[in-house]
Amino acid sequence: MAKPDGPLVEAGRRGLAEWLAAGAPGPFTVPRGRDCCAEIDAIFWPSRWSRLAMLWRYLMVSLGDLAPSCALKTFCYRRAGTRIGADVCISPGVILDPLFPQLIELRDGGCLGMGARLIAHEYTASSFRIGLIRIGPGAVVGAFSTVRSAVTVGERATVGFNSYVSRDVAPGDVVGGVPARSLKSGGEVG
């Protein structure tokens, strides 16, 4: 299959290299072109080896998603490139981003509730976005909650059941809802 070339793809590759070199601060966004899926593939997986590595990560995440125990999930997700600290609890039904698991970090003592979703990439009508997701030490992401790309859930913070987190959560805060808002102060998260 031929990969598209052109200014969008070249600019995307340069931007991605700069973003990675800078330590991936904030989200990285690429405008959607005419053939967005092929262009995104050409930017993020330009070679046969990069496509094979993506396939490996996808398979490992898929196995982890299906694994019944936390230890098996951790084993598979680490093989996919997810950074996982000590004593992390990953409940059944958790879904980690299958295309960009290497953009997810679960720090020591964190907990992902049943059915929690960490999605490090997303399409919008005008762009494609990726970003690091960091779950801080001792933080809890409640069951069936979704954490968006480029979000940090701070140390010992709690995300309530069935919430959508689109902004950083301060250390020690308790948030909930769609979109998630602080339940301690009644203010918006971030």
Foldseek 3Di string as FASTA:
>chain_A
DDADDDDQLVVLLVQVVVCVVVVNAFKDKGWADPPRVSSVCCNQPVDPVSVVLLVQLLVLQVQLLQDQAQVSNVVSLVSSQEAEEPQEAEHHQEHEASRCSNLEYEYAQEYEEHNEYEHQWDDDPTIIMGAHEYEEHNEYEYHLEYEYHREYEYANEYEYHNEYEDYYAYHPFYWYHDPTQTPVVRGRGD
